[in-house]
Amino acid sequence: MRESIPIWWFAGLLMLAYGIVIFATGVWELFHPLANPPVLNQLHAPIWWGALLAVIGLWYLIRFHPRKSAR
């Protein structure tokens, strides 16, 4: 019998994907500054939040990975 894949595994996959995209956008903005940067741009929020989201998504992928039952 096949084990079902938990919904949290898919949530982790989405968080990892979004985290990578947001992180990459932040790195791109770091090397290509905006003409009119927003307030507190020097904190580089997309880099921090993208990395955090990717780490949480990776944790969800590992934690809720569907494993075969050992019988």
N, C-alpha and C. Protein backbone atom coordinates (compact mmCIF):
# COMPACT_ATOMS: atom_id res chain seq x y z
N MET A 1 0.83 -1.18 0.00
CA MET A 1 0.00 0.00 0.00
C MET A 1 0.88 1.25 0.00
N ARG A 2 0.55 2.19 -0.84
CA ARG A 2 1.34 3.42 -0.95
C ARG A 2 0.95 4.39 0.15
N GLU A 3 1.96 5.06 0.67
CA GLU A 3 1.71 6.07 1.69
C GLU A 3 1.40 7.40 1.01
N SER A 4 0.43 8.12 1.53
CA SER A 4 0.07 9.40 0.94
C SER A 4 1.10 10.47 1.31
N ILE A 5 1.20 11.46 0.48
CA ILE A 5 2.15 12.55 0.72
C ILE A 5 1.43 13.62 1.54
N PRO A 6 1.99 14.01 2.68
CA PRO A 6 1.33 15.03 3.51
C PRO A 6 1.29 16.39 2.81
N ILE A 7 0.25 17.13 3.11
CA ILE A 7 0.09 18.47 2.53
C ILE A 7 1.22 19.38 2.99
N TRP A 8 1.79 19.11 4.17
CA TRP A 8 2.87 19.95 4.69
C TRP A 8 4.14 19.80 3.87
N TRP A 9 4.31 18.65 3.20
CA TRP A 9 5.46 18.47 2.32
C TRP A 9 5.34 19.42 1.13
N PHE A 10 4.13 19.54 0.58
CA PHE A 10 3.92 20.46 -0.53
C PHE A 10 4.06 21.92 -0.08
N ALA A 11 3.61 22.21 1.15
CA ALA A 11 3.79 23.56 1.68
C ALA A 11 5.28 23.88 1.80
N GLY A 12 6.08 22.92 2.24
CA GLY A 12 7.53 23.11 2.32
C GLY A 12 8.16 23.31 0.96
N LEU A 13 7.66 22.58 -0.04
CA LEU A 13 8.17 22.74 -1.40
C LEU A 13 7.89 24.15 -1.92
N LEU A 14 6.69 24.65 -1.68
CA LEU A 14 6.35 26.02 -2.10
C LEU A 14 7.18 27.06 -1.36
N MET A 15 7.33 26.88 -0.04
CA MET A 15 8.13 27.84 0.73
C MET A 15 9.58 27.85 0.26
N LEU A 16 10.12 26.69 -0.04
CA LEU A 16 11.49 26.61 -0.54
C LEU A 16 11.61 27.32 -1.88
N ALA A 17 10.66 27.07 -2.77
CA ALA A 17 10.70 27.71 -4.09
C ALA A 17 10.58 29.23 -3.97
N TYR A 18 9.61 29.70 -3.19
CA TYR A 18 9.45 31.15 -3.01
C TYR A 18 10.67 31.76 -2.33
N GLY A 19 11.24 31.06 -1.36
CA GLY A 19 12.43 31.56 -0.67
C GLY A 19 13.60 31.73 -1.61
N ILE A 20 13.78 30.77 -2.51
CA ILE A 20 14.88 30.87 -3.48
C ILE A 20 14.67 32.05 -4.42
N VAL A 21 13.43 32.22 -4.88
CA VAL A 21 13.14 33.33 -5.79
C VAL A 21 13.33 34.68 -5.09
N ILE A 22 12.83 34.81 -3.87
CA ILE A 22 12.97 36.08 -3.14
C ILE A 22 14.43 36.36 -2.82
N PHE A 23 15.17 35.33 -2.41
CA PHE A 23 16.60 35.49 -2.13
C PHE A 23 17.36 35.93 -3.38
N ALA A 24 17.07 35.28 -4.50
CA ALA A 24 17.75 35.64 -5.76
C ALA A 24 17.42 37.07 -6.16
N THR A 25 16.18 37.50 -5.96
CA THR A 25 15.80 38.88 -6.26
C THR A 25 16.57 39.85 -5.37
N GLY A 26 16.72 39.50 -4.09
CA GLY A 26 17.47 40.36 -3.18
C GLY A 26 18.94 40.47 -3.56
N VAL A 27 19.53 39.36 -3.98
CA VAL A 27 20.93 39.40 -4.41
C VAL A 27 21.06 40.23 -5.69
N TRP A 28 20.12 40.08 -6.61
CA TRP A 28 20.14 40.87 -7.84
C TRP A 28 20.03 42.37 -7.51
N GLU A 29 19.15 42.73 -6.58
CA GLU A 29 19.01 44.14 -6.19
C GLU A 29 20.27 44.66 -5.51
N LEU A 30 21.01 43.77 -4.86
CA LEU A 30 22.24 44.17 -4.20
C LEU A 30 23.28 44.66 -5.21
N PHE A 31 23.34 44.00 -6.37
CA PHE A 31 24.31 44.36 -7.40
C PHE A 31 23.76 45.33 -8.44
N HIS A 32 22.45 45.54 -8.46
CA HIS A 32 21.81 46.48 -9.37
C HIS A 32 20.90 47.40 -8.55
N PRO A 33 21.47 48.42 -7.91
CA PRO A 33 20.68 49.29 -7.03
C PRO A 33 19.55 49.99 -7.78
N LEU A 34 18.47 50.22 -7.05
CA LEU A 34 17.32 50.92 -7.62
C LEU A 34 17.60 52.42 -7.69
N ALA A 35 16.94 53.11 -8.63
CA ALA A 35 17.14 54.55 -8.78
C ALA A 35 16.59 55.29 -7.56
N ASN A 36 15.41 54.89 -7.10
CA ASN A 36 14.80 55.48 -5.90
C ASN A 36 14.58 54.36 -4.89
N PRO A 37 15.60 54.05 -4.07
CA PRO A 37 15.46 52.93 -3.15
C PRO A 37 14.43 53.21 -2.06
N PRO A 38 13.73 52.19 -1.60
CA PRO A 38 12.77 52.38 -0.51
C PRO A 38 13.47 52.65 0.81
N VAL A 39 12.70 53.07 1.79
CA VAL A 39 13.23 53.34 3.12
C VAL A 39 13.78 52.03 3.69
N LEU A 40 14.87 52.09 4.40
CA LEU A 40 15.55 50.95 5.03
C LEU A 40 16.03 49.92 4.00
N ASN A 41 16.34 50.38 2.81
CA ASN A 41 16.85 49.48 1.77
C ASN A 41 18.19 48.87 2.16
N GLN A 42 18.94 49.54 3.02
CA GLN A 42 20.26 49.05 3.40
C GLN A 42 20.18 47.79 4.26
N LEU A 43 18.99 47.43 4.74
CA LEU A 43 18.85 46.20 5.53
C LEU A 43 18.76 44.94 4.66
N HIS A 44 18.51 45.11 3.37
CA HIS A 44 18.44 44.01 2.41
C HIS A 44 17.44 42.93 2.86
N ALA A 45 16.22 43.35 3.13
CA ALA A 45 15.17 42.45 3.62
C ALA A 45 14.91 41.25 2.71
N PRO A 46 14.90 41.39 1.37
CA PRO A 46 14.64 40.19 0.55
C PRO A 46 15.67 39.09 0.74
N ILE A 47 16.91 39.47 1.01
CA ILE A 47 17.95 38.45 1.22
C ILE A 47 17.67 37.68 2.51
N TRP A 48 17.38 38.42 3.59
CA TRP A 48 17.12 37.77 4.88
C TRP A 48 15.84 36.95 4.87
N TRP A 49 14.76 37.52 4.36
CA TRP A 49 13.48 36.82 4.36
C TRP A 49 13.49 35.67 3.37
N GLY A 50 14.14 35.83 2.25
CA GLY A 50 14.24 34.73 1.29
C GLY A 50 15.02 33.56 1.86
N ALA A 51 16.13 33.86 2.53
CA ALA A 51 16.93 32.79 3.15
C ALA A 51 16.14 32.10 4.26
N LEU A 52 15.45 32.88 5.09
CA LEU A 52 14.65 32.30 6.17
C LEU A 52 13.53 31.42 5.61
N LEU A 53 12.85 31.90 4.59
CA LEU A 53 11.77 31.13 3.98
C LEU A 53 12.30 29.84 3.36
N ALA A 54 13.46 29.91 2.72
CA ALA A 54 14.06 28.71 2.12
C ALA A 54 14.46 27.70 3.19
N VAL A 55 15.01 28.16 4.29
CA VAL A 55 15.41 27.25 5.38
C VAL A 55 14.18 26.58 5.99
N ILE A 56 13.13 27.35 6.24
CA ILE A 56 11.90 26.78 6.79
C ILE A 56 11.29 25.78 5.81
N GLY A 57 11.29 26.13 4.53
CA GLY A 57 10.76 25.21 3.53
C GLY A 57 11.56 23.93 3.45
N LEU A 58 12.88 24.02 3.55
CA LEU A 58 13.73 22.84 3.55
C LEU A 58 13.46 21.98 4.78
N TRP A 59 13.26 22.62 5.92
CA TRP A 59 12.94 21.88 7.14
C TRP A 59 11.62 21.12 6.98
N TYR A 60 10.61 21.77 6.39
CA TYR A 60 9.33 21.10 6.14
C TYR A 60 9.51 19.92 5.20
N LEU A 61 10.32 20.08 4.16
CA LEU A 61 10.55 18.98 3.22
C LEU A 61 11.18 17.78 3.91
N ILE A 62 12.15 18.04 4.78
CA ILE A 62 12.82 16.96 5.49
C ILE A 62 11.91 16.35 6.55
N ARG A 63 11.24 17.20 7.29
CA ARG A 63 10.41 16.74 8.41
C ARG A 63 9.21 15.92 7.94
N PHE A 64 8.57 16.32 6.87
CA PHE A 64 7.35 15.65 6.41
C PHE A 64 7.56 14.81 5.16
N HIS A 65 8.80 14.42 4.91
CA HIS A 65 9.09 13.59 3.73
C HIS A 65 8.38 12.24 3.89
N PRO A 66 7.66 11.82 2.85
CA PRO A 66 6.99 10.51 2.95
C PRO A 66 8.01 9.38 2.92
N ARG A 67 8.03 8.62 3.98
CA ARG A 67 8.98 7.51 4.10
C ARG A 67 8.23 6.20 3.94
N LYS A 68 8.95 5.21 3.47
CA LYS A 68 8.35 3.89 3.40
C LYS A 68 8.33 3.29 4.80
N SER A 69 7.24 2.64 5.14
CA SER A 69 7.14 2.05 6.48
C SER A 69 8.06 0.83 6.57
N ALA A 70 8.80 0.76 7.67
CA ALA A 70 9.74 -0.35 7.88
C ALA A 70 9.00 -1.48 8.57
N ARG A 71 8.62 -2.50 7.78
CA ARG A 71 7.94 -3.64 8.36
C ARG A 71 8.70 -4.89 8.10
